[in-house]
Amino acid sequence: QVLLVESGGGLVQAGGSLRLSCAVSGRTFMDSTMAWFRQAPGKEREFVAIISWSGGSTNYADSVKGRFTISRDNAKNTVYLQMNSLRPEDTAVYYCAAGLVDGRRGTKGADFRSWGQGTQVTVSS
């Protein structure tokens, strides 16, 4: 069983930055594709970014491309999401995900088996 714990959320003004962390325990981390999703009030959970087990391959939602960066430190069993140039529309609960189902692309919530509890990001205008 895998345990994911997110941290780093908070309140920031538009244009500011935050760095989210997701600490992983309970299984082999280094062979796991990891991703970040977010869910705003009244909206469905949406894909934000994904990173391969080696960190050599990443992909982003168009809405965050050029502003957010996903990375990982396998020695620390941690994945990060650096968020720059934040906008009010980035306000959401951010979740990290692990356990990509074989054959899935990883851009939908159903593609992952394990989730953290989420961390709130609020961007004021």
Protein backbone atom coordinates (compact mmCIF):
# COMPACT_ATOMS: atom_id res chain seq x y z
CA GLN A 1 0.00 0.00 0.00
CA VAL A 2 1.26 3.46 -0.87
CA LEU A 3 0.87 6.61 1.22
CA LEU A 4 1.03 10.04 -0.41
CA VAL A 5 1.25 13.23 1.66
CA GLU A 6 1.08 16.63 -0.03
CA SER A 7 2.31 19.87 1.48
CA GLY A 8 3.21 23.42 0.47
CA GLY A 9 -0.18 24.86 -0.35
CA GLY A 10 -1.34 28.24 0.87
CA LEU A 11 -2.57 31.70 -0.02
CA VAL A 12 -0.60 33.74 -2.56
CA GLN A 13 -1.22 36.83 -4.64
CA ALA A 14 -1.58 36.64 -8.39
CA GLY A 15 1.84 36.51 -10.01
CA GLY A 16 3.37 34.78 -7.03
CA SER A 17 4.88 31.32 -6.65
CA LEU A 18 4.39 28.19 -4.57
CA ARG A 19 6.17 24.86 -4.44
CA LEU A 20 4.14 21.79 -3.63
CA SER A 21 5.69 18.58 -2.34
CA CYS A 22 4.36 15.04 -2.28
CA ALA A 23 6.14 12.56 -0.02
CA VAL A 24 5.63 8.92 -0.94
CA SER A 25 6.01 5.91 1.31
CA GLY A 26 4.94 2.30 1.47
CA ARG A 27 6.10 1.04 -1.92
CA THR A 28 8.92 1.31 -4.41
CA PHE A 29 8.90 4.91 -5.53
CA MET A 30 11.52 4.89 -8.18
CA ASP A 31 9.50 2.80 -10.67
CA SER A 32 6.36 4.87 -10.34
CA THR A 33 5.04 7.45 -12.76
CA MET A 34 3.70 10.34 -10.68
CA ALA A 35 1.25 13.12 -11.45
CA TRP A 36 -0.44 16.20 -10.07
CA PHE A 37 -4.13 16.93 -10.47
CA ARG A 38 -6.30 19.72 -9.14
CA GLN A 39 -9.95 20.26 -8.35
CA ALA A 40 -11.62 23.64 -8.06
CA PRO A 41 -14.97 24.09 -6.28
CA GLY A 42 -17.81 22.84 -8.44
CA LYS A 43 -15.48 21.43 -11.07
CA GLU A 44 -14.16 18.01 -11.93
CA ARG A 45 -10.65 16.95 -11.03
CA GLU A 46 -8.30 17.90 -13.84
CA PHE A 47 -4.84 16.85 -14.92
CA VAL A 48 -1.97 19.27 -14.24
CA ALA A 49 1.34 17.50 -14.85
CA ILE A 50 2.96 14.07 -15.05
CA ILE A 51 6.52 12.78 -14.69
CA SER A 52 8.07 9.45 -15.56
CA TRP A 53 9.87 7.30 -13.01
CA SER A 54 13.26 8.58 -14.14
CA GLY A 55 12.18 12.19 -14.40
CA GLY A 56 13.24 12.23 -18.03
CA SER A 57 9.76 12.63 -19.44
CA THR A 58 7.19 15.21 -18.39
CA ASN A 59 3.90 16.50 -19.74
CA TYR A 60 1.67 19.39 -18.76
CA ALA A 61 -1.85 20.63 -19.20
CA ASP A 62 -1.98 23.51 -21.66
CA SER A 63 -3.30 25.80 -18.92
CA VAL A 64 -0.09 25.50 -16.88
CA LYS A 65 2.53 24.93 -19.56
CA GLY A 66 5.40 27.39 -19.18
CA ARG A 67 4.39 28.33 -15.63
CA PHE A 68 4.51 25.03 -13.69
CA THR A 69 7.34 22.54 -13.44
CA ILE A 70 7.07 18.98 -12.14
CA SER A 71 10.16 17.26 -10.80
CA ARG A 72 11.14 14.42 -8.50
CA ASP A 73 13.89 13.39 -6.14
CA ASN A 74 13.96 9.60 -6.01
CA ALA A 75 16.46 9.63 -3.17
CA LYS A 76 13.89 11.46 -1.06
CA ASN A 77 10.82 9.67 -2.46
CA THR A 78 9.32 13.05 -3.21
CA VAL A 79 7.71 14.70 -6.22
CA TYR A 80 7.41 18.46 -6.55
CA LEU A 81 5.30 20.98 -8.41
CA GLN A 82 6.87 24.41 -8.79
CA MET A 83 4.13 26.90 -9.64
CA ASN A 84 5.10 30.33 -10.93
CA SER A 85 3.08 33.25 -12.29
CA LEU A 86 0.04 32.00 -10.42
CA ARG A 87 -3.40 33.15 -11.47
CA PRO A 88 -6.72 33.24 -9.60
CA GLU A 89 -7.95 30.43 -11.86
CA ASP A 90 -5.21 28.20 -10.43
CA THR A 91 -7.10 28.18 -7.13
CA ALA A 92 -7.93 24.56 -6.29
CA VAL A 93 -7.09 21.62 -4.10
CA TYR A 94 -3.99 19.98 -5.56
CA TYR A 95 -3.54 16.22 -5.37
CA CYS A 96 -0.62 13.99 -6.20
CA ALA A 97 -1.24 10.59 -7.71
CA ALA A 98 0.72 7.34 -8.08
CA GLY A 99 0.17 3.84 -9.35
CA LEU A 100 -0.47 4.41 -13.04
CA VAL A 101 -2.70 1.70 -14.45
CA ASP A 102 -0.96 -0.24 -17.23
CA GLY A 103 -1.76 1.13 -20.66
CA ARG A 104 -3.21 4.40 -19.40
CA ARG A 105 -1.85 7.81 -20.36
CA GLY A 106 -2.13 9.29 -16.90
CA THR A 107 -4.17 12.36 -17.80
CA LYS A 108 -7.38 11.21 -16.12
CA GLY A 109 -8.08 10.56 -12.48
CA ALA A 110 -9.14 7.00 -13.18
CA ASP A 111 -5.67 6.29 -14.58
CA PHE A 112 -4.15 6.24 -11.07
CA ARG A 113 -4.70 3.94 -8.11
CA SER A 114 -3.34 6.00 -5.21
CA TRP A 115 -4.00 9.57 -4.11
CA GLY A 116 -2.93 11.98 -1.43
CA GLN A 117 -5.32 13.96 0.75
CA GLY A 118 -4.74 17.18 -1.19
CA THR A 119 -3.38 20.63 -0.36
CA GLN A 120 -5.28 23.88 -0.88
CA VAL A 121 -3.85 26.54 -3.16
CA THR A 122 -5.61 29.91 -3.17
CA VAL A 123 -4.53 32.70 -5.51
CA SER A 124 -5.94 36.15 -4.79
CA SER A 125 -6.35 38.80 -7.47
